[in-house]
C-alpha atoms as a PDB file:
ATOM      1  CA  MET A   1       3.235  39.250  51.064  1.00  0.00           C
ATOM      2  CA  LYS A   2       1.340  36.053  51.757  1.00  0.00           C
ATOM      3  CA  LEU A   3       2.467  32.812  50.163  1.00  0.00           C
ATOM      4  CA  LYS A   4      -0.154  30.801  48.342  1.00  0.00           C
ATOM      5  CA  MET A   5      -0.775  27.413  49.957  1.00  0.00           C
ATOM      6  CA  PRO A   6      -1.011  24.742  47.272  1.00  0.00           C
ATOM      7  CA  VAL A   7      -3.115  21.654  47.955  1.00  0.00           C
ATOM      8  CA  LYS A   8      -1.668  18.335  46.959  1.00  0.00           C
ATOM      9  CA  PHE A   9      -3.327  14.932  47.031  1.00  0.00           C
ATOM     10  CA  ILE A  10      -0.776  12.154  47.024  1.00  0.00           C
ATOM     11  CA  ALA A  11      -1.544   8.424  46.862  1.00  0.00           C
ATOM     12  CA  ILE A  12       0.636   6.443  49.209  1.00  0.00           C
ATOM     13  CA  GLY A  13       1.139   2.975  47.736  1.00  0.00           C
ATOM     14  CA  GLU A  14       2.158   1.074  50.854  1.00  0.00           C
ATOM     15  CA  ALA A  15       0.363  -1.681  52.702  1.00  0.00           C
ATOM     16  CA  TYR A  16       0.051   0.395  55.834  1.00  0.00           C
ATOM     17  CA  ALA A  17      -1.190   3.616  54.214  1.00  0.00           C
ATOM     18  CA  ARG A  18      -3.579   2.813  51.373  1.00  0.00           C
ATOM     19  CA  SER A  19      -5.518   6.006  51.132  1.00  0.00           C
ATOM     20  CA  TYR A  20      -5.275   9.592  49.889  1.00  0.00           C
ATOM     21  CA  PHE A  21      -3.917  12.266  52.163  1.00  0.00           C
ATOM     22  CA  LEU A  22      -4.476  15.995  52.010  1.00  0.00           C
ATOM     23  CA  CYS A  23      -1.587  18.245  52.887  1.00  0.00           C
ATOM     24  CA  ILE A  24      -1.444  22.047  52.706  1.00  0.00           C
ATOM     25  CA  PHE A  25       2.088  23.429  52.848  1.00  0.00           C
ATOM     26  CA  PRO A  26       4.054  26.304  51.326  1.00  0.00           C
ATOM     27  CA  PRO A  27       5.961  25.619  48.105  1.00  0.00           C
ATOM     28  CA  PHE A  28       9.279  25.085  49.872  1.00  0.00           C
ATOM     29  CA  SER A  29       7.895  22.394  52.192  1.00  0.00           C
ATOM     30  CA  PRO A  30       9.296  18.824  51.878  1.00  0.00           C
ATOM     31  CA  CYS A  31       5.675  17.642  51.820  1.00  0.00           C
ATOM     32  CA  THR A  32       5.218  18.989  48.278  1.00  0.00           C
ATOM     33  CA  SER A  33       7.149  15.975  46.904  1.00  0.00           C
ATOM     34  CA  PRO A  34       5.869  12.361  47.052  1.00  0.00           C
ATOM     35  CA  SER A  35       8.903  11.154  49.039  1.00  0.00           C
ATOM     36  CA  GLY A  36       8.521  14.018  51.499  1.00  0.00           C
ATOM     37  CA  MET A  37       4.846  13.234  51.900  1.00  0.00           C
ATOM     38  CA  VAL A  38       5.602   9.577  52.679  1.00  0.00           C
ATOM     39  CA  LYS A  39       8.070  10.625  55.400  1.00  0.00           C
ATOM     40  CA  PHE A  40       5.541  13.056  56.817  1.00  0.00           C
ATOM     41  CA  ILE A  41       2.799  10.424  56.956  1.00  0.00           C
ATOM     42  CA  HIS A  42       5.167   7.932  58.614  1.00  0.00           C
ATOM     43  CA  SER A  43       5.974  10.501  61.293  1.00  0.00           C
ATOM     44  CA  ILE A  44       2.364  10.978  62.386  1.00  0.00           C
ATOM     45  CA  ILE A  45       0.827   7.494  62.058  1.00  0.00           C
ATOM     46  CA  ASP A  46       1.003   5.094  64.997  1.00  0.00           C
ATOM     47  CA  PHE A  47       2.748   2.070  63.487  1.00  0.00           C
ATOM     48  CA  MET A  48       3.748  -0.940  65.503  1.00  0.00           C
ATOM     49  CA  VAL A  49       7.302  -1.911  64.484  1.00  0.00           C
ATOM     50  CA  ILE A  50       8.702  -5.454  64.660  1.00  0.00           C
ATOM     51  CA  GLN A  51      12.426  -6.132  64.224  1.00  0.00           C
ATOM     52  CA  TRP A  52      14.257  -9.464  64.242  1.00  0.00           C
ATOM     53  CA  TYR A  53      17.810  -9.852  65.511  1.00  0.00           C
ATOM     54  CA  GLY A  54      18.239 -13.512  64.601  1.00  0.00           C
ATOM     55  CA  HIS A  55      17.406 -16.796  66.334  1.00  0.00           C
ATOM     56  CA  ALA A  56      14.326 -16.087  68.544  1.00  0.00           C
ATOM     57  CA  CYS A  57      15.167 -12.473  69.409  1.00  0.00           C
ATOM     58  CA  PHE A  58      12.630  -9.805  68.454  1.00  0.00           C
ATOM     59  CA  ARG A  59      11.979  -6.222  69.468  1.00  0.00           C
ATOM     60  CA  ILE A  60       8.431  -4.908  69.288  1.00  0.00           C
ATOM     61  CA  GLN A  61       7.888  -1.161  69.514  1.00  0.00           C
ATOM     62  CA  GLY A  62       4.318  -0.152  70.219  1.00  0.00           C
ATOM     63  CA  ASN A  63       3.100   3.297  69.399  1.00  0.00           C
ATOM     64  CA  SER A  64      -0.418   3.918  70.610  1.00  0.00           C
ATOM     65  CA  THR A  65       0.696   1.484  73.307  1.00  0.00           C
ATOM     66  CA  ASP A  66       3.922   3.231  74.330  1.00  0.00           C
ATOM     67  CA  VAL A  67       6.106   0.229  75.116  1.00  0.00           C
ATOM     68  CA  ALA A  68       9.268  -1.464  73.813  1.00  0.00           C
ATOM     69  CA  ILE A  69       9.307  -5.249  74.255  1.00  0.00           C
ATOM     70  CA  LEU A  70      12.442  -7.352  73.755  1.00  0.00           C
ATOM     71  CA  ILE A  71      12.059 -11.114  73.420  1.00  0.00           C
ATOM     72  CA  ASP A  72      14.744 -13.769  73.937  1.00  0.00           C
ATOM     73  CA  PRO A  73      18.052 -11.854  73.942  1.00  0.00           C
ATOM     74  CA  PHE A  74      20.935 -14.265  73.244  1.00  0.00           C
ATOM     75  CA  ASP A  75      24.613 -14.330  74.129  1.00  0.00           C
ATOM     76  CA  ALA A  76      27.584 -14.699  71.759  1.00  0.00           C
ATOM     77  CA  SER A  77      27.775 -18.484  72.208  1.00  0.00           C
ATOM     78  CA  ILE A  78      25.414 -18.951  69.235  1.00  0.00           C
ATOM     79  CA  GLY A  79      27.876 -17.241  66.879  1.00  0.00           C
ATOM     80  CA  TRP A  80      26.395 -13.743  66.631  1.00  0.00           C
ATOM     81  CA  LYS A  81      26.827 -10.805  68.972  1.00  0.00           C
ATOM     82  CA  LEU A  82      23.567  -9.117  69.875  1.00  0.00           C
ATOM     83  CA  PRO A  83      23.721  -5.302  69.908  1.00  0.00           C
ATOM     84  CA  ARG A  84      22.844  -3.572  73.158  1.00  0.00           C
ATOM     85  CA  LEU A  85      19.105  -3.033  72.919  1.00  0.00           C
ATOM     86  CA  SER A  86      16.885  -0.995  75.200  1.00  0.00           C
ATOM     87  CA  ALA A  87      13.475  -2.189  76.325  1.00  0.00           C
ATOM     88  CA  ASP A  88      10.748  -1.522  78.841  1.00  0.00           C
ATOM     89  CA  VAL A  89       9.906  -5.228  79.044  1.00  0.00           C
ATOM     90  CA  VAL A  90      12.034  -8.320  78.383  1.00  0.00           C
ATOM     91  CA  LEU A  91      10.389 -11.690  77.758  1.00  0.00           C
ATOM     92  CA  VAL A  92      12.292 -14.960  78.185  1.00  0.00           C
ATOM     93  CA  SER A  93      10.744 -17.996  76.520  1.00  0.00           C
ATOM     94  CA  THR A  94      13.430 -20.547  77.362  1.00  0.00           C
ATOM     95  CA  ASP A  95      15.833 -20.791  80.297  1.00  0.00           C
ATOM     96  CA  THR A  96      19.071 -21.053  78.300  1.00  0.00           C
ATOM     97  CA  LYS A  97      21.635 -18.455  77.206  1.00  0.00           C
ATOM     98  CA  GLU A  98      20.282 -18.694  73.665  1.00  0.00           C
ATOM     99  CA  HIS A  99      17.168 -16.956  74.999  1.00  0.00           C
ATOM    100  CA  ASN A 100      17.853 -15.320  78.386  1.00  0.00           C
ATOM    101  CA  ALA A 101      21.056 -13.272  78.100  1.00  0.00           C
ATOM    102  CA  LEU A 102      19.643 -10.438  80.209  1.00  0.00           C
ATOM    103  CA  GLU A 103      23.063  -8.851  80.667  1.00  0.00           C
ATOM    104  CA  THR A 104      22.938  -7.715  77.029  1.00  0.00           C
ATOM    105  CA  VAL A 105      19.862  -5.496  77.586  1.00  0.00           C
ATOM    106  CA  LYS A 106      20.114  -1.732  78.121  1.00  0.00           C
ATOM    107  CA  LYS A 107      17.811   0.119  80.463  1.00  0.00           C
ATOM    108  CA  GLY A 108      14.738   1.680  78.878  1.00  0.00           C
ATOM    109  CA  GLU A 109      14.387   5.418  79.632  1.00  0.00           C
ATOM    110  CA  GLY A 110      17.008   5.060  82.371  1.00  0.00           C
ATOM    111  CA  LYS A 111      15.023   2.389  84.200  1.00  0.00           C
ATOM    112  CA  GLU A 112      15.577  -1.321  84.665  1.00  0.00           C
ATOM    113  CA  PRO A 113      13.353  -3.260  82.258  1.00  0.00           C
ATOM    114  CA  PHE A 114      10.563  -5.407  83.643  1.00  0.00           C
ATOM    115  CA  ILE A 115      11.628  -9.045  83.209  1.00  0.00           C
ATOM    116  CA  ILE A 116       9.083 -11.773  82.505  1.00  0.00           C
ATOM    117  CA  GLN A 117      10.496 -15.286  82.558  1.00  0.00           C
ATOM    118  CA  GLU A 118       7.614 -17.163  84.136  1.00  0.00           C
ATOM    119  CA  ALA A 119       4.136 -18.061  82.969  1.00  0.00           C
ATOM    120  CA  GLY A 120       1.292 -15.780  84.048  1.00  0.00           C
ATOM    121  CA  GLU A 121      -0.637 -12.693  83.033  1.00  0.00           C
ATOM    122  CA  TYR A 122       0.989  -9.267  83.115  1.00  0.00           C
ATOM    123  CA  GLU A 123       0.195  -5.684  82.170  1.00  0.00           C
ATOM    124  CA  VAL A 124       3.124  -3.342  81.563  1.00  0.00           C
ATOM    125  CA  ARG A 125       2.806   0.176  80.105  1.00  0.00           C
ATOM    126  CA  GLY A 126      -0.471  -0.773  78.463  1.00  0.00           C
ATOM    127  CA  ALA A 127       0.799  -4.031  76.928  1.00  0.00           C
ATOM    128  CA  LEU A 128      -1.050  -7.196  77.954  1.00  0.00           C
ATOM    129  CA  ILE A 129       1.244 -10.227  78.118  1.00  0.00           C
ATOM    130  CA  HIS A 130       0.213 -13.815  78.801  1.00  0.00           C
ATOM    131  CA  GLY A 131       2.932 -16.394  79.341  1.00  0.00           C
ATOM    132  CA  ILE A 132       1.681 -19.934  78.705  1.00  0.00           C
ATOM    133  CA  PRO A 133       3.913 -22.741  80.038  1.00  0.00           C
ATOM    134  CA  LEU A 134       5.195 -25.433  77.681  1.00  0.00           C
ATOM    135  CA  SER A 135       7.392 -27.107  80.306  1.00  0.00           C
ATOM    136  CA  LEU A 136       9.150 -26.191  83.542  1.00  0.00           C
ATOM    137  CA  SER A 137      11.799 -24.283  81.575  1.00  0.00           C
ATOM    138  CA  SER A 138       9.967 -22.897  78.555  1.00  0.00           C
ATOM    139  CA  ARG A 139       6.883 -20.874  77.665  1.00  0.00           C
ATOM    140  CA  ILE A 140       5.175 -19.079  74.803  1.00  0.00           C
ATOM    141  CA  PHE A 141       3.909 -15.505  74.954  1.00  0.00           C
ATOM    142  CA  VAL A 142       0.667 -13.961  73.783  1.00  0.00           C
ATOM    143  CA  ILE A 143       1.275 -10.205  73.495  1.00  0.00           C
ATOM    144  CA  ARG A 144      -1.428  -7.575  73.023  1.00  0.00           C
ATOM    145  CA  VAL A 145      -0.026  -4.277  71.719  1.00  0.00           C
ATOM    146  CA  ASP A 146      -1.716  -1.519  69.681  1.00  0.00           C
ATOM    147  CA  GLU A 147      -4.944  -3.568  69.586  1.00  0.00           C
ATOM    148  CA  MET A 148      -3.139  -6.425  67.810  1.00  0.00           C
ATOM    149  CA  THR A 149      -2.267  -9.878  69.179  1.00  0.00           C
ATOM    150  CA  ILE A 150       1.157 -11.436  68.612  1.00  0.00           C
ATOM    151  CA  LEU A 151       2.049 -15.011  69.534  1.00  0.00           C
ATOM    152  CA  HIS A 152       5.779 -15.667  70.009  1.00  0.00           C
ATOM    153  CA  CYS A 153       6.238 -19.441  70.126  1.00  0.00           C
ATOM    154  CA  GLY A 154       9.668 -19.515  71.763  1.00  0.00           C
ATOM    155  CA  SER A 155      11.277 -22.954  71.483  1.00  0.00           C
ATOM    156  CA  LEU A 156       8.082 -24.810  70.634  1.00  0.00           C
ATOM    157  CA  ASN A 157       8.897 -28.330  69.412  1.00  0.00           C
ATOM    158  CA  ARG A 158       5.568 -30.153  69.618  1.00  0.00           C
ATOM    159  CA  GLU A 159       1.886 -29.877  68.873  1.00  0.00           C
ATOM    160  CA  LEU A 160      -0.161 -27.499  71.016  1.00  0.00           C
ATOM    161  CA  THR A 161      -2.805 -29.011  73.249  1.00  0.00           C
ATOM    162  CA  GLU A 162      -6.472 -28.035  73.085  1.00  0.00           C
ATOM    163  CA  SER A 163      -6.073 -26.244  76.416  1.00  0.00           C
ATOM    164  CA  GLU A 164      -3.069 -24.273  75.126  1.00  0.00           C
ATOM    165  CA  LEU A 165      -4.913 -23.337  71.937  1.00  0.00           C
ATOM    166  CA  ASP A 166      -7.874 -22.118  74.014  1.00  0.00           C
ATOM    167  CA  ASN A 167      -5.547 -19.988  76.141  1.00  0.00           C
ATOM    168  CA  ILE A 168      -3.921 -18.523  73.035  1.00  0.00           C
ATOM    169  CA  GLY A 169      -7.183 -17.459  71.369  1.00  0.00           C
ATOM    170  CA  ARG A 170      -7.262 -15.377  68.186  1.00  0.00           C
ATOM    171  CA  VAL A 171      -3.834 -14.447  66.797  1.00  0.00           C
ATOM    172  CA  ASP A 172      -3.058 -11.650  64.351  1.00  0.00           C
ATOM    173  CA  ILE A 173       0.708 -12.184  64.026  1.00  0.00           C
ATOM    174  CA  LEU A 174       2.303 -15.593  64.585  1.00  0.00           C
ATOM    175  CA  VAL A 175       6.053 -15.772  65.199  1.00  0.00           C
ATOM    176  CA  LEU A 176       7.201 -19.389  65.210  1.00  0.00           C
ATOM    177  CA  PRO A 177      10.340 -21.543  64.879  1.00  0.00           C
ATOM    178  CA  ILE A 178      10.585 -23.564  61.672  1.00  0.00           C
ATOM    179  CA  GLY A 179      14.142 -24.942  61.447  1.00  0.00           C
ATOM    180  CA  GLY A 180      13.826 -28.333  63.137  1.00  0.00           C
ATOM    181  CA  GLY A 181      16.433 -29.762  65.483  1.00  0.00           C
ATOM    182  CA  ASN A 182      15.277 -28.747  68.959  1.00  0.00           C
ATOM    183  CA  VAL A 183      12.273 -26.780  67.612  1.00  0.00           C
ATOM    184  CA  LEU A 184       9.452 -27.311  65.099  1.00  0.00           C
ATOM    185  CA  ASP A 185      10.463 -28.535  61.672  1.00  0.00           C
ATOM    186  CA  ALA A 186       8.832 -27.270  58.488  1.00  0.00           C
ATOM    187  CA  LYS A 187       6.011 -29.842  58.477  1.00  0.00           C
ATOM    188  CA  LYS A 188       5.058 -29.388  62.133  1.00  0.00           C
ATOM    189  CA  ALA A 189       5.346 -25.614  61.875  1.00  0.00           C
ATOM    190  CA  ASN A 190       2.926 -25.644  58.950  1.00  0.00           C
ATOM    191  CA  GLU A 191       0.494 -27.714  61.045  1.00  0.00           C
ATOM    192  CA  ILE A 192       0.668 -25.112  63.825  1.00  0.00           C
ATOM    193  CA  VAL A 193      -0.094 -22.376  61.294  1.00  0.00           C
ATOM    194  CA  SER A 194      -3.150 -24.326  60.123  1.00  0.00           C
ATOM    195  CA  GLU A 195      -4.386 -24.743  63.705  1.00  0.00           C
ATOM    196  CA  ILE A 196      -3.936 -21.128  64.760  1.00  0.00           C
ATOM    197  CA  GLU A 197      -4.952 -19.477  61.464  1.00  0.00           C
ATOM    198  CA  PRO A 198      -3.115 -16.182  61.999  1.00  0.00           C
ATOM    199  CA  ARG A 199      -3.362 -13.232  59.635  1.00  0.00           C
ATOM    200  CA  ILE A 200       0.428 -12.876  59.401  1.00  0.00           C
ATOM    201  CA  VAL A 201       3.235 -15.427  59.856  1.00  0.00           C
ATOM    202  CA  ILE A 202       6.835 -14.474  60.673  1.00  0.00           C
ATOM    203  CA  PRO A 203       9.302 -17.410  60.729  1.00  0.00           C
ATOM    204  CA  MET A 204      12.289 -17.606  63.073  1.00  0.00           C
ATOM    205  CA  GLN A 205      14.943 -20.069  64.287  1.00  0.00           C
ATOM    206  CA  TYR A 206      16.159 -21.355  60.935  1.00  0.00           C
ATOM    207  CA  ARG A 207      19.647 -21.669  59.471  1.00  0.00           C
ATOM    208  CA  LEU A 208      21.523 -18.393  59.014  1.00  0.00           C
ATOM    209  CA  THR A 209      25.151 -17.876  58.080  1.00  0.00           C
ATOM    210  CA  GLY A 210      27.333 -17.613  61.166  1.00  0.00           C
ATOM    211  CA  LEU A 211      24.818 -19.001  63.659  1.00  0.00           C
ATOM    212  CA  ARG A 212      25.962 -22.102  65.546  1.00  0.00           C
ATOM    213  CA  THR A 213      22.606 -23.828  65.543  1.00  0.00           C
ATOM    214  CA  VAL A 214      21.300 -27.168  64.310  1.00  0.00           C
ATOM    215  CA  HIS A 215      18.494 -25.665  62.252  1.00  0.00           C
ATOM    216  CA  GLU A 216      17.589 -26.253  58.622  1.00  0.00           C
ATOM    217  CA  PRO A 217      17.046 -23.463  56.047  1.00  0.00           C
ATOM    218  CA  ALA A 218      13.672 -21.746  55.683  1.00  0.00           C
ATOM    219  CA  ASP A 219      12.888 -23.065  52.180  1.00  0.00           C
ATOM    220  CA  PRO A 220      11.187 -26.323  53.306  1.00  0.00           C
ATOM    221  CA  PHE A 221       8.776 -24.275  55.420  1.00  0.00           C
ATOM    222  CA  PHE A 222       7.957 -21.933  52.553  1.00  0.00           C
ATOM    223  CA  LYS A 223       7.280 -24.984  50.366  1.00  0.00           C
ATOM    224  CA  ALA A 224       5.060 -26.619  53.018  1.00  0.00           C
ATOM    225  CA  LEU A 225       3.192 -23.352  53.474  1.00  0.00           C
ATOM    226  CA  GLY A 226       2.621 -23.067  49.732  1.00  0.00           C
ATOM    227  CA  ILE A 227       3.508 -19.369  49.657  1.00  0.00           C
ATOM    228  CA  LYS A 228       6.305 -17.801  47.628  1.00  0.00           C
ATOM    229  CA  PRO A 229       8.494 -15.939  50.142  1.00  0.00           C
ATOM    230  CA  PRO A 230       8.477 -12.167  49.720  1.00  0.00           C
ATOM    231  CA  GLU A 231      11.624 -10.064  49.741  1.00  0.00           C
ATOM    232  CA  ALA A 232      13.067  -9.839  53.250  1.00  0.00           C
ATOM    233  CA  GLN A 233      12.673  -6.500  55.003  1.00  0.00           C
ATOM    234  CA  ASP A 234      14.710  -5.050  57.866  1.00  0.00           C
ATOM    235  CA  LYS A 235      11.637  -4.139  59.929  1.00  0.00           C
ATOM    236  CA  TYR A 236       7.911  -4.663  59.713  1.00  0.00           C
ATOM    237  CA  LYS A 237       5.528  -1.756  60.283  1.00  0.00           C
ATOM    238  CA  ILE A 238       1.850  -2.501  60.745  1.00  0.00           C
ATOM    239  CA  LEU A 239      -1.417  -0.829  61.702  1.00  0.00           C
ATOM    240  CA  LYS A 240      -4.438  -2.739  62.918  1.00  0.00           C
ATOM    241  CA  LYS A 241      -6.506  -1.519  59.981  1.00  0.00           C
ATOM    242  CA  ASP A 242      -3.974  -2.971  57.534  1.00  0.00           C
ATOM    243  CA  LEU A 243      -4.052  -6.540  58.868  1.00  0.00           C
ATOM    244  CA  PRO A 244      -4.951  -8.800  55.932  1.00  0.00           C
ATOM    245  CA  ALA A 245      -8.627  -9.742  55.927  1.00  0.00           C
ATOM    246  CA  GLY A 246      -8.397 -12.524  53.344  1.00  0.00           C
ATOM    247  CA  GLU A 247      -5.435 -14.781  52.664  1.00  0.00           C
ATOM    248  CA  MET A 248      -2.733 -15.153  55.285  1.00  0.00           C
ATOM    249  CA  GLN A 249       0.388 -13.081  54.672  1.00  0.00           C
ATOM    250  CA  LEU A 250       3.969 -14.314  55.031  1.00  0.00           C
ATOM    251  CA  VAL A 251       6.483 -11.744  56.293  1.00  0.00           C
ATOM    252  CA  VAL A 252      10.206 -12.496  56.100  1.00  0.00           C
ATOM    253  CA  LEU A 253      12.521 -10.332  58.149  1.00  0.00           C
ATOM    254  CA  GLN A 254      16.196  -9.635  57.612  1.00  0.00           C
ATOM    255  CA  PRO A 255      18.105  -9.829  60.902  1.00  0.00           C
ATOM    256  CA  ALA A 256      18.929  -6.306  62.095  1.00  0.00           C
END
């Protein structure tokens, strides 16, 4: 006896899947419920995933670009212990243990990760990475993954020059320090946002409980930006087609 195959159209109300999907499955399939359909869609769409581990440490997982990038792993001297994270590529923005604790990184797929701690242009597993020097011991990174451009501003603590802005080019996702002290404060960070005009802003390097840093809380930056902060999320999933086309979007991440 053949089972009838019901057709269900389910609207997925998420920023990265705003369309109707057609799914034909037998009645006992998990796809016949809305929650099951969401999980199914997530399993087949090529999201880029960004996670924050506190301070300046991020992990970017490409999908159509099959690469895992870890940025600025830190050691326990800042008050938090970083979990052992695997990566294909590790980027170091600043030559201090708050940013270059390479001993904490696991091998990716059984191989030593490719380490980038100098300015220059690199291509690794389909990811295009451009390190732009800020000083002899620090740099910012322009990262091209899944047809999107991310700028990680490392320990930036000053205005960017015209030459640096030209080298950066168009930015989709801006990750920048906002907490003051040895990095940008709220006012200067807001000025950088205005200069670069990204589609998405992700703040980092601000005061968090347990971190031994000299940074201020994030609220002054949110006020300067003039955007009410959204609820923090543990990871950010994004597709190129879902990048905001109008107003800039603020994304706040919860440290993993």
